[in-house]
Amino acid sequence: MKKITFLFLSLIVISCGVKSTESLLNTGNYDAAIDKTVNALRTNKTSKGKQDYVYLLEEAFAKAKARDLESIKLLSVENNPANYERIFNLYNQLHNRQERIKPLLPLPLHNEGRNAIFPMDNYSEKIVSSKNNLSGYLYSNARKLMQSNNKMNYRQAFDDLSYLDQLNPNYKDVRTLMDEAQYKGTDFVHVSTKNETGMVIPKRLQDDLLDFSTFGLNDKWTVYHNNRQQSVYYDYGMIVNFRQINMSPEQVREKQFIKEKQIKDGVKNLLDANGNTVKDSLGNPIKVDNFKTISVNIYEFTQFKSCQVTAKVDYIDFRSNQLIETFPLASEFVFEYIYANYNGDKRACEETYYQYFDRRAVPFPTNEQMIFDSGEDLKAKLKAIITNNRFRR
């Protein structure tokens, strides 16, 4: 019974597979139909249940080949160099399609007493010839693009040369041209700071803020420099303009509070409602935990100082000396330090609070240190601005 059920299910699966393959064939998706039939014929290819797949593969192969050859003929007649890539891909497609089918051959058609027919051709010379045509076209087109002063043309040239280098490694001076196209297609951005706060901004903060090696922002076509290089023409500028620094006074806030808690303090006799000792069945007094209330008077001190830095980030187009866009930038750093002393039993407060009893007052950070400590937050926000607002979109 199990064998019959399994056979029935297998027939259903094969029938569904054949119908979906027929649908692909009827809609012109020949290579998709070939993929399905090849997968189906990898096992038990000579069984009667797979005969439909063999017929479908024979038909799909013939129609796909005929269509590709006809496309090549039309593209060749046009004699347009822009068609070289399409012709090259079609010859590769013809070759690869044959290679997918070869491992399955021969494929018998039992009812006709013959093997399925798959005419195989050698496309090696056509592939080499079309690759050479394409290589020559890509090379000449890239050289033409690089004769302009347009960075976008250099980027297109780089992409064409990169493809050519993959297609035909070590072709002429492609590697040298790629380096040139990469350089001339790159936007160079000079980054600087400006101080309008009236306060001294630590040099190490400015240096750290402009250390773009830690930002990871350079991409394929954008490079940031914080030091001008004489040999570089800068397309854009980015100015981090410090506008205001607000520094709070040094404050010590005091707070006094009392904590109470009940703790176990030995045992005592259990008494009834009349104040008499309750005894067990043997006449012994019943003992219960004795609790007492403890308290602690805490004097808490909080040292507090804050620094707020506000700035703006200006994007400048050096080619037109125009302001492109401005983004606000702000950061706040807070110094807060707590210490405390007490009178009473410290067990009345939470153990996590004990750490404050072991502390004493510390020196407040200097204004310079506070400004510098705001730097990490400023860097993170500056990086977010640059990441989300590229110079060239």
Protein backbone atom coordinates (compact mmCIF):
# COMPACT_ATOMS: atom_id res chain seq x y z
CA MET A 1 0.00 0.00 0.00
CA LYS A 2 2.88 2.35 0.88
CA LYS A 3 4.56 1.65 -2.47
CA ILE A 4 1.36 2.46 -4.36
CA THR A 5 0.90 5.72 -2.43
CA PHE A 6 4.50 6.74 -3.05
CA LEU A 7 4.19 5.95 -6.78
CA PHE A 8 0.96 7.96 -6.97
CA LEU A 9 2.56 10.97 -5.29
CA SER A 10 5.61 10.73 -7.56
CA LEU A 11 3.38 10.78 -10.64
CA ILE A 12 1.60 13.88 -9.34
CA VAL A 13 4.93 15.65 -8.74
CA ILE A 14 6.20 14.74 -12.23
CA SER A 15 2.93 15.85 -13.82
CA CYS A 16 3.09 19.24 -12.07
CA GLY A 17 6.74 19.65 -13.06
CA VAL A 18 5.98 18.87 -16.70
CA LYS A 19 3.10 21.36 -16.80
CA SER A 20 5.17 24.18 -15.27
CA THR A 21 7.97 23.44 -17.76
CA GLU A 22 5.49 23.48 -20.66
CA SER A 23 4.27 26.87 -19.42
CA LEU A 24 7.82 28.25 -19.47
CA LEU A 25 8.35 26.88 -22.97
CA ASN A 26 5.09 28.33 -24.27
CA THR A 27 5.95 31.81 -22.90
CA GLY A 28 9.42 31.87 -24.45
CA ASN A 29 11.38 31.30 -21.22
CA TYR A 30 13.48 28.65 -22.93
CA ASP A 31 16.49 28.69 -20.64
CA ALA A 32 14.31 28.48 -17.53
CA ALA A 33 12.57 25.47 -19.12
CA ILE A 34 15.99 23.94 -19.88
CA ASP A 35 17.10 24.42 -16.27
CA LYS A 36 13.99 22.64 -14.97
CA THR A 37 14.33 19.72 -17.37
CA VAL A 38 18.07 19.32 -16.72
CA ASN A 39 17.41 19.21 -12.97
CA ALA A 40 14.63 16.67 -13.46
CA LEU A 41 16.82 14.44 -15.66
CA ARG A 42 19.82 14.30 -13.32
CA THR A 43 18.32 11.15 -11.78
CA ASN A 44 16.64 8.22 -13.56
CA LYS A 45 16.95 10.00 -16.91
CA THR A 46 16.09 6.86 -18.91
CA SER A 47 12.92 5.99 -16.97
CA LYS A 48 9.58 6.14 -18.79
CA GLY A 49 8.32 8.71 -16.27
CA LYS A 50 10.96 11.16 -17.49
CA GLN A 51 10.16 10.92 -21.20
CA ASP A 52 8.11 14.11 -21.24
CA TYR A 53 11.10 16.01 -19.87
CA VAL A 54 13.32 14.68 -22.67
CA TYR A 55 10.88 15.90 -25.33
CA LEU A 56 10.62 19.29 -23.59
CA LEU A 57 14.40 19.62 -23.34
CA GLU A 58 14.83 18.80 -27.04
CA GLU A 59 12.29 21.43 -28.01
CA ALA A 60 13.51 24.12 -25.61
CA PHE A 61 17.13 23.66 -26.72
CA ALA A 62 16.24 23.97 -30.40
CA LYS A 63 14.11 27.09 -29.90
CA ALA A 64 16.64 28.79 -27.60
CA LYS A 65 19.48 28.14 -30.02
CA ALA A 66 17.48 29.39 -33.01
CA ARG A 67 16.50 32.58 -31.18
CA ASP A 68 20.08 33.34 -30.07
CA LEU A 69 21.50 32.78 -33.55
CA GLU A 70 18.83 34.99 -35.08
CA SER A 71 19.60 37.74 -32.54
CA ILE A 72 23.31 37.52 -33.35
CA LYS A 73 22.52 37.81 -37.06
CA LEU A 74 20.41 40.94 -36.58
CA LEU A 75 22.94 42.57 -34.24
CA SER A 76 25.76 41.85 -36.67
CA VAL A 77 23.84 43.36 -39.59
CA GLU A 78 23.43 46.61 -37.64
CA ASN A 79 27.25 46.87 -37.48
CA ASN A 80 27.05 48.93 -34.28
CA PRO A 81 30.03 48.55 -31.88
CA ALA A 82 27.65 49.04 -28.98
CA ASN A 83 26.25 45.57 -29.85
CA TYR A 84 29.56 43.80 -29.26
CA GLU A 85 28.82 43.01 -25.64
CA ARG A 86 25.42 41.53 -26.46
CA ILE A 87 26.92 39.39 -29.26
CA PHE A 88 29.70 38.18 -26.96
CA ASN A 89 27.17 37.25 -24.25
CA LEU A 90 24.96 35.41 -26.74
CA TYR A 91 27.85 33.24 -27.97
CA ASN A 92 28.75 32.44 -24.37
CA GLN A 93 25.13 31.63 -23.70
CA LEU A 94 25.05 29.20 -26.66
CA HIS A 95 28.23 27.53 -25.43
CA ASN A 96 27.16 27.30 -21.78
CA ARG A 97 23.75 25.90 -22.72
CA GLN A 98 25.44 23.03 -24.58
CA GLU A 99 27.74 22.38 -21.63
CA ARG A 100 24.76 22.04 -19.27
CA ILE A 101 23.20 19.37 -21.47
CA LYS A 102 26.29 17.35 -22.51
CA PRO A 103 26.61 15.40 -19.22
CA LEU A 104 23.08 14.01 -19.72
CA LEU A 105 23.61 12.66 -23.24
CA PRO A 106 22.48 10.39 -24.74
CA LEU A 107 18.82 10.80 -23.83
CA PRO A 108 16.66 8.02 -25.36
CA LEU A 109 13.12 8.57 -26.65
CA HIS A 110 11.67 5.06 -26.19
CA ASN A 111 8.52 5.44 -28.30
CA GLU A 112 10.49 6.65 -31.31
CA GLY A 113 13.43 4.32 -30.88
CA ARG A 114 15.97 7.15 -31.12
CA ASN A 115 17.99 9.52 -28.98
CA ALA A 116 16.93 13.11 -28.55
CA ILE A 117 18.69 15.44 -30.99
CA PHE A 118 20.89 18.26 -29.68
CA PRO A 119 23.04 19.67 -32.51
CA MET A 120 26.30 20.80 -30.89
CA ASP A 121 28.48 23.52 -32.46
CA ASN A 122 31.93 24.78 -31.61
CA TYR A 123 31.65 28.46 -30.65
CA SER A 124 35.27 28.91 -29.49
CA GLU A 125 36.36 31.05 -32.43
CA LYS A 126 33.19 33.15 -32.29
CA ILE A 127 33.64 33.72 -28.56
CA VAL A 128 37.26 34.77 -28.97
CA SER A 129 36.45 37.01 -31.94
CA SER A 130 33.51 38.71 -30.24
CA LYS A 131 35.56 39.13 -27.03
CA ASN A 132 38.30 40.86 -29.01
CA ASN A 133 35.74 43.13 -30.67
CA LEU A 134 34.24 43.97 -27.29
CA SER A 135 37.66 44.55 -25.73
CA GLY A 136 38.62 46.95 -28.49
CA TYR A 137 35.33 48.82 -28.14
CA LEU A 138 35.57 49.11 -24.36
CA TYR A 139 39.16 50.32 -24.60
CA SER A 140 38.54 52.95 -27.27
CA ASN A 141 35.34 54.15 -25.60
CA ALA A 142 37.13 54.51 -22.23
CA ARG A 143 39.95 56.48 -23.87
CA LYS A 144 37.37 58.74 -25.49
CA LEU A 145 35.58 59.33 -22.18
CA MET A 146 38.89 60.20 -20.52
CA GLN A 147 39.53 63.00 -22.98
CA SER A 148 36.88 65.12 -21.25
CA ASN A 149 37.10 67.09 -18.02
CA ASN A 150 34.00 65.45 -16.62
CA LYS A 151 34.47 63.35 -13.48
CA MET A 152 31.38 61.28 -14.26
CA ASN A 153 32.93 60.35 -17.61
CA TYR A 154 36.08 59.22 -15.81
CA ARG A 155 33.96 57.07 -13.52
CA GLN A 156 32.21 55.50 -16.50
CA ALA A 157 35.60 54.93 -18.11
CA PHE A 158 36.83 53.26 -14.93
CA ASP A 159 33.84 50.91 -14.88
CA ASP A 160 34.40 50.01 -18.55
CA LEU A 161 38.11 49.42 -17.98
CA SER A 162 37.42 47.36 -14.86
CA TYR A 163 35.04 45.17 -16.87
CA LEU A 164 37.62 44.95 -19.66
CA ASP A 165 40.30 43.90 -17.16
CA GLN A 166 38.08 41.06 -15.95
CA LEU A 167 37.15 40.10 -19.49
CA ASN A 168 40.64 40.30 -20.96
CA PRO A 169 43.34 40.56 -18.22
CA ASN A 170 46.54 42.49 -19.04
CA TYR A 171 44.99 44.05 -22.12
CA LYS A 172 47.28 46.87 -23.33
CA ASP A 173 47.72 49.58 -20.64
CA VAL A 174 44.33 49.05 -18.99
CA ARG A 175 45.69 48.94 -15.42
CA THR A 176 47.47 52.28 -15.88
CA LEU A 177 44.35 53.85 -17.38
CA MET A 178 42.25 52.51 -14.50
CA ASP A 179 44.51 54.27 -11.99
CA GLU A 180 44.23 57.50 -13.95
CA ALA A 181 40.44 57.23 -14.26
CA GLN A 182 40.12 56.44 -10.57
CA TYR A 183 42.15 59.49 -9.57
CA LYS A 184 40.55 61.93 -12.01
CA GLY A 185 37.06 60.66 -11.22
CA THR A 186 37.49 61.13 -7.46
CA ASP A 187 36.03 64.05 -5.53
CA PHE A 188 38.58 65.45 -3.08
CA VAL A 189 37.16 67.18 -0.02
CA HIS A 190 39.17 69.49 2.22
CA VAL A 191 37.95 69.48 5.81
CA SER A 192 38.71 72.31 8.24
CA THR A 193 37.46 73.92 11.44
CA LYS A 194 36.57 77.49 12.33
CA ASN A 195 36.20 78.90 15.83
CA GLU A 196 33.62 81.65 16.40
CA THR A 197 33.03 80.90 20.09
CA GLY A 198 35.44 83.39 21.63
CA MET A 199 36.87 80.53 23.69
CA VAL A 200 39.96 78.45 23.18
CA ILE A 201 39.13 75.11 21.56
CA PRO A 202 41.74 72.47 22.42
CA LYS A 203 43.96 71.75 19.44
CA ARG A 204 43.80 68.03 20.22
CA LEU A 205 39.99 68.20 19.89
CA GLN A 206 40.29 69.81 16.46
CA ASP A 207 42.94 67.29 15.41
CA ASP A 208 40.88 64.38 16.70
CA LEU A 209 37.70 65.65 15.09
CA LEU A 210 39.44 65.93 11.72
CA ASP A 211 41.24 62.60 11.93
CA PHE A 212 39.19 61.02 9.18
CA SER A 213 41.30 57.87 9.22
CA THR A 214 39.16 56.80 12.18
CA PHE A 215 35.90 57.64 10.41
CA GLY A 216 36.09 55.09 7.61
CA LEU A 217 34.32 57.55 5.32
CA ASN A 218 36.50 57.47 2.22
CA ASP A 219 34.69 55.61 -0.52
CA LYS A 220 35.40 54.67 -4.11
CA TRP A 221 34.89 58.20 -5.42
CA THR A 222 35.30 60.50 -2.38
CA VAL A 223 38.45 61.20 -0.37
CA TYR A 224 38.66 63.54 2.65
CA HIS A 225 41.84 65.45 3.57
CA ASN A 226 42.32 67.57 6.68
CA ASN A 227 45.71 68.79 5.43
CA ARG A 228 45.85 70.39 2.02
CA GLN A 229 48.13 68.72 -0.48
CA GLN A 230 49.66 70.96 -3.13
CA SER A 231 49.24 68.44 -5.92
CA VAL A 232 45.51 67.97 -5.28
CA TYR A 233 42.69 70.08 -6.70
CA TYR A 234 39.87 70.09 -4.15
CA ASP A 235 36.33 69.92 -5.46
CA TYR A 236 34.55 70.50 -2.17
CA GLY A 237 35.18 71.88 1.26
CA MET A 238 33.64 70.94 4.58
CA ILE A 239 33.96 73.46 7.42
CA VAL A 240 33.13 72.49 11.00
CA ASN A 241 32.26 75.92 12.40
CA PHE A 242 32.16 76.06 16.21
CA ARG A 243 29.50 78.63 17.12
CA GLN A 244 29.06 78.52 20.87
CA ILE A 245 30.38 76.78 23.97
CA ASN A 246 28.23 76.90 27.08
CA MET A 247 29.96 75.89 30.30
CA SER A 248 27.96 75.52 33.52
CA PRO A 249 29.51 76.62 36.84
CA GLU A 250 30.99 73.98 39.10
CA GLN A 251 28.23 72.87 41.45
CA VAL A 252 28.04 70.68 44.53
CA ARG A 253 24.47 69.66 45.28
CA GLU A 254 23.71 68.38 48.75
CA LYS A 255 20.92 66.09 49.78
CA GLN A 256 20.05 64.51 53.15
CA PHE A 257 17.70 61.57 53.58
CA ILE A 258 16.94 58.76 56.01
CA LYS A 259 16.67 55.07 55.21
CA GLU A 260 15.01 52.50 57.45
CA LYS A 261 14.89 48.74 57.30
CA GLN A 262 13.85 45.80 59.48
CA ILE A 263 16.55 43.23 60.09
CA LYS A 264 16.65 39.94 61.98
CA ASP A 265 18.08 40.20 65.51
CA GLY A 266 18.03 36.75 67.07
CA VAL A 267 14.92 34.83 68.18
CA LYS A 268 12.23 35.26 70.85
CA ASN A 269 9.36 33.32 72.36
CA LEU A 270 6.09 33.35 70.46
CA LEU A 271 3.37 35.06 72.50
CA ASP A 272 -0.37 34.72 72.18
CA ALA A 273 -2.88 37.57 72.17
CA ASN A 274 -2.76 37.74 75.98
CA GLY A 275 0.99 37.97 76.10
CA ASN A 276 1.52 34.39 77.21
CA THR A 277 4.27 32.16 75.83
CA VAL A 278 3.02 29.67 73.27
CA LYS A 279 4.38 26.16 73.74
CA ASP A 280 4.51 23.09 71.53
CA SER A 281 3.01 19.65 72.35
CA LEU A 282 6.04 18.78 74.52
CA GLY A 283 5.71 21.95 76.57
CA ASN A 284 8.69 23.74 75.00
CA PRO A 285 8.39 27.45 74.11
CA ILE A 286 7.97 28.08 70.37
CA LYS A 287 10.68 30.34 69.02
CA VAL A 288 10.24 32.92 66.24
CA ASP A 289 12.60 35.44 64.56
CA ASN A 290 13.05 38.69 66.36
CA PHE A 291 13.20 41.79 64.10
CA LYS A 292 14.37 45.27 64.87
CA THR A 293 14.26 48.52 62.91
CA ILE A 294 17.53 50.18 61.96
CA SER A 295 18.06 53.54 60.28
CA VAL A 296 20.78 55.56 58.68
CA ASN A 297 21.02 59.28 58.06
CA ILE A 298 22.72 59.85 54.68
CA TYR A 299 24.39 63.05 53.48
CA GLU A 300 24.78 62.85 49.70
CA PHE A 301 26.91 65.23 47.61
CA THR A 302 26.76 65.48 43.81
CA GLN A 303 29.50 67.27 41.90
CA PHE A 304 28.07 68.54 38.62
CA LYS A 305 29.42 70.40 35.61
CA SER A 306 28.21 70.40 32.01
CA CYS A 307 29.52 71.58 28.66
CA GLN A 308 27.46 72.18 25.54
CA VAL A 309 29.12 72.70 22.18
CA THR A 310 27.10 73.94 19.22
CA ALA A 311 28.44 74.10 15.69
CA LYS A 312 27.39 73.95 12.07
CA VAL A 313 28.81 71.98 9.17
CA ASP A 314 29.08 73.91 5.90
CA TYR A 315 29.39 72.13 2.55
CA ILE A 316 31.20 74.33 0.00
CA ASP A 317 31.48 73.78 -3.75
CA PHE A 318 34.96 75.08 -4.56
CA ARG A 319 34.25 75.02 -8.29
CA SER A 320 31.59 77.71 -7.92
CA ASN A 321 32.54 78.99 -4.44
CA GLN A 322 28.94 78.46 -3.42
CA LEU A 323 27.53 77.18 -0.14
CA ILE A 324 25.80 73.88 -0.92
CA GLU A 325 24.16 73.11 2.41
CA THR A 326 24.49 73.66 6.16
CA PHE A 327 23.85 71.13 8.92
CA PRO A 328 23.54 71.85 12.66
CA LEU A 329 25.86 70.00 15.02
CA ALA A 330 25.61 69.95 18.82
CA SER A 331 26.93 67.90 21.69
CA GLU A 332 26.71 67.96 25.47
CA PHE A 333 29.05 66.39 27.98
CA VAL A 334 28.07 66.08 31.63
CA PHE A 335 30.41 65.50 34.56
CA GLU A 336 28.57 64.05 37.53
CA TYR A 337 30.25 62.51 40.57
CA ILE A 338 28.47 61.32 43.73
CA TYR A 339 29.94 60.71 47.17
CA ALA A 340 28.29 60.42 50.59
CA ASN A 341 28.77 59.94 54.33
CA TYR A 342 26.35 58.77 56.98
CA ASN A 343 25.35 58.50 60.63
CA GLY A 344 23.70 55.34 61.89
CA ASP A 345 23.60 51.79 60.57
CA LYS A 346 24.51 51.71 56.87
CA ARG A 347 22.80 48.33 56.51
CA ALA A 348 19.53 50.27 56.32
CA CYS A 349 20.34 51.28 52.70
CA GLU A 350 20.88 49.13 49.63
CA GLU A 351 24.27 47.46 49.26
CA THR A 352 24.66 49.01 45.83
CA TYR A 353 24.83 52.40 47.53
CA TYR A 354 27.83 51.46 49.70
CA GLN A 355 30.24 52.50 46.90
CA TYR A 356 29.43 56.16 47.53
CA PHE A 357 30.51 55.92 51.19
CA ASP A 358 34.03 55.01 50.10
CA ARG A 359 34.40 58.12 47.95
CA ARG A 360 35.63 61.63 48.59
CA ALA A 361 35.35 64.84 46.58
CA VAL A 362 37.45 64.97 43.40
CA PRO A 363 38.79 67.92 41.41
CA PHE A 364 36.40 69.21 38.75
CA PRO A 365 37.61 68.72 35.15
CA THR A 366 38.95 71.85 33.48
CA ASN A 367 36.94 73.63 30.80
CA GLU A 368 39.42 72.42 28.21
CA GLN A 369 38.97 68.81 29.31
CA MET A 370 35.18 69.17 29.24
CA ILE A 371 35.29 70.54 25.70
CA PHE A 372 37.60 67.75 24.62
CA ASP A 373 35.39 65.10 26.25
CA SER A 374 32.49 66.24 24.08
CA GLY A 375 34.57 65.23 21.06
CA GLU A 376 33.52 61.58 20.78
CA ASP A 377 29.86 62.53 20.57
CA LEU A 378 30.70 65.29 18.09
CA LYS A 379 32.64 62.85 15.91
CA ALA A 380 29.77 60.36 15.88
CA LYS A 381 27.28 63.06 14.88
CA LEU A 382 29.62 64.50 12.27
CA LYS A 383 30.09 61.04 10.77
CA ALA A 384 26.30 60.60 10.61
CA ILE A 385 25.95 63.93 8.77
CA ILE A 386 28.59 62.98 6.19
CA THR A 387 27.25 59.45 5.74
CA ASN A 388 23.70 60.65 5.14
CA ASN A 389 24.60 63.70 3.05
CA ARG A 390 27.15 62.96 0.35
CA PHE A 391 28.58 65.85 -1.65
CA ARG A 392 27.62 64.37 -5.02
CA ARG A 393 24.27 62.60 -5.17
